[in-house]
Protein backbone atom coordinates (compact mmCIF):
# COMPACT_ATOMS: atom_id res chain seq x y z
CA MET A 1 46.70 69.53 -33.24
CA SER A 2 45.20 69.01 -29.87
CA ILE A 3 46.02 68.77 -26.10
CA GLU A 4 43.69 66.65 -23.73
CA LYS A 5 44.26 67.08 -20.03
CA LYS A 6 43.23 64.60 -17.41
CA TYR A 7 43.51 65.48 -13.91
CA LEU A 8 44.10 62.69 -11.39
CA LYS A 9 42.27 63.01 -7.96
CA SER A 10 44.50 61.17 -6.05
CA LYS A 11 47.82 62.95 -7.10
CA SER A 12 48.84 66.42 -8.22
CA ILE A 13 49.39 64.80 -11.81
CA CYS A 14 47.81 65.63 -15.04
CA LYS A 15 47.94 63.13 -17.91
CA VAL A 16 48.46 65.26 -21.07
CA THR A 17 47.90 63.64 -24.61
CA PHE A 18 49.47 65.64 -27.30
CA ARG A 19 48.15 64.85 -30.92
CA LEU A 20 49.26 66.02 -34.23
CA PRO A 21 47.06 65.37 -37.33
CA LYS A 22 48.45 63.92 -40.54
CA GLU A 23 47.90 67.42 -42.24
CA ALA A 24 50.56 68.75 -39.78
CA VAL A 25 53.19 66.21 -40.29
CA GLY A 26 52.79 65.25 -43.87
CA GLU A 27 54.66 61.99 -44.64
CA ALA A 28 56.86 62.12 -41.50
CA GLU A 29 58.38 58.82 -40.27
CA LYS A 30 59.20 60.19 -36.69
CA VAL A 31 57.78 62.93 -34.58
CA SER A 32 59.10 63.76 -30.86
CA LEU A 33 57.33 65.99 -28.31
CA VAL A 34 60.13 68.08 -27.05
CA GLY A 35 60.03 70.37 -24.11
CA GLU A 36 61.12 71.61 -20.65
CA PHE A 37 59.72 68.21 -19.20
CA ASN A 38 62.42 66.15 -20.95
CA ASN A 39 65.23 68.80 -21.21
CA TRP A 40 64.57 69.32 -24.92
CA ASP A 41 65.68 65.96 -25.77
CA GLY A 42 64.22 64.75 -29.20
CA ASN A 43 64.78 61.16 -28.35
CA MET A 44 62.96 61.02 -24.93
CA GLU A 45 59.32 61.26 -26.15
CA VAL A 46 58.74 59.80 -29.57
CA MET A 47 55.27 59.98 -30.50
CA GLN A 48 53.23 56.81 -31.56
CA SER A 49 52.47 56.76 -35.12
CA LEU A 50 48.54 56.07 -35.71
CA LYS A 51 46.80 54.25 -38.66
CA ASP A 52 45.29 57.44 -39.81
CA GLY A 53 48.77 59.21 -40.24
CA SER A 54 48.64 61.25 -36.94
CA PHE A 55 51.01 60.91 -34.17
CA LYS A 56 50.14 60.96 -30.33
CA THR A 57 51.60 60.67 -26.97
CA THR A 58 50.61 60.84 -23.30
CA ILE A 59 52.83 62.00 -20.59
CA ASP A 60 52.48 62.68 -16.76
CA LEU A 61 52.98 66.22 -15.78
CA GLU A 62 52.86 67.87 -12.29
CA ALA A 63 49.64 69.99 -12.09
CA GLY A 64 49.77 73.63 -11.27
CA LYS A 65 52.69 74.31 -13.54
CA GLU A 66 53.38 75.59 -17.05
CA TYR A 67 55.54 73.75 -19.62
CA GLN A 68 57.26 74.97 -22.85
CA PHE A 69 57.23 72.58 -25.71
CA ARG A 70 57.49 72.04 -29.46
CA TYR A 71 57.25 69.16 -31.93
CA LEU A 72 60.32 67.88 -33.78
CA ILE A 73 59.39 66.32 -37.22
CA ASP A 74 61.84 63.86 -38.64
CA GLY A 75 64.68 65.28 -36.47
CA LYS A 76 64.88 68.55 -38.52
CA ILE A 77 61.50 70.49 -38.61
CA TRP A 78 60.09 72.45 -35.37
CA THR A 79 56.49 73.25 -35.19
CA ASN A 80 54.11 74.59 -32.61
CA ASP A 81 50.81 73.32 -31.40
CA GLU A 82 48.29 75.82 -32.75
CA LEU A 83 46.04 74.86 -29.93
CA ALA A 84 48.57 75.58 -27.09
CA ASP A 85 47.50 77.37 -24.17
CA LYS A 86 49.74 80.11 -24.92
CA PHE A 87 53.09 81.06 -26.67
CA VAL A 88 56.15 82.62 -25.62
CA PRO A 89 59.45 83.78 -26.99
CA SER A 90 61.89 80.84 -27.44
CA GLY A 91 64.91 83.04 -27.20
CA ILE A 92 66.20 81.80 -30.72
CA GLY A 93 65.49 84.36 -33.33
CA ALA A 94 61.67 85.17 -33.79
CA ASP A 95 60.64 81.64 -32.92
CA GLN A 96 58.17 81.00 -30.29
CA ASN A 97 57.51 77.94 -28.13
CA SER A 98 54.07 76.40 -27.22
CA VAL A 99 52.99 76.33 -23.64
CA VAL A 100 50.67 73.96 -21.86
CA VAL A 101 49.15 75.40 -18.56
CA LEU A 102 48.22 72.85 -16.10
């Protein structure tokens, strides 16, 4: 799991790349990045499957903010990013959401 941030000098935008390794997704066919930036819609940000079995996606987010997110594997398994900047309660049982701080 990893999160890579690239800040643009000309705009208050950060290009954020989210990556899940094969070990985290197993034999998954579809992984979605789901969070506040896409209204928690599992169909909005479907991650690209790479040859090594990992999944990744890059999105533009406004710098200076924090965004809660999780990964949705095959439409049924929720997981967090172990390398997130922090974690907050999700409001659903004892689950937590990952947070990326820009």
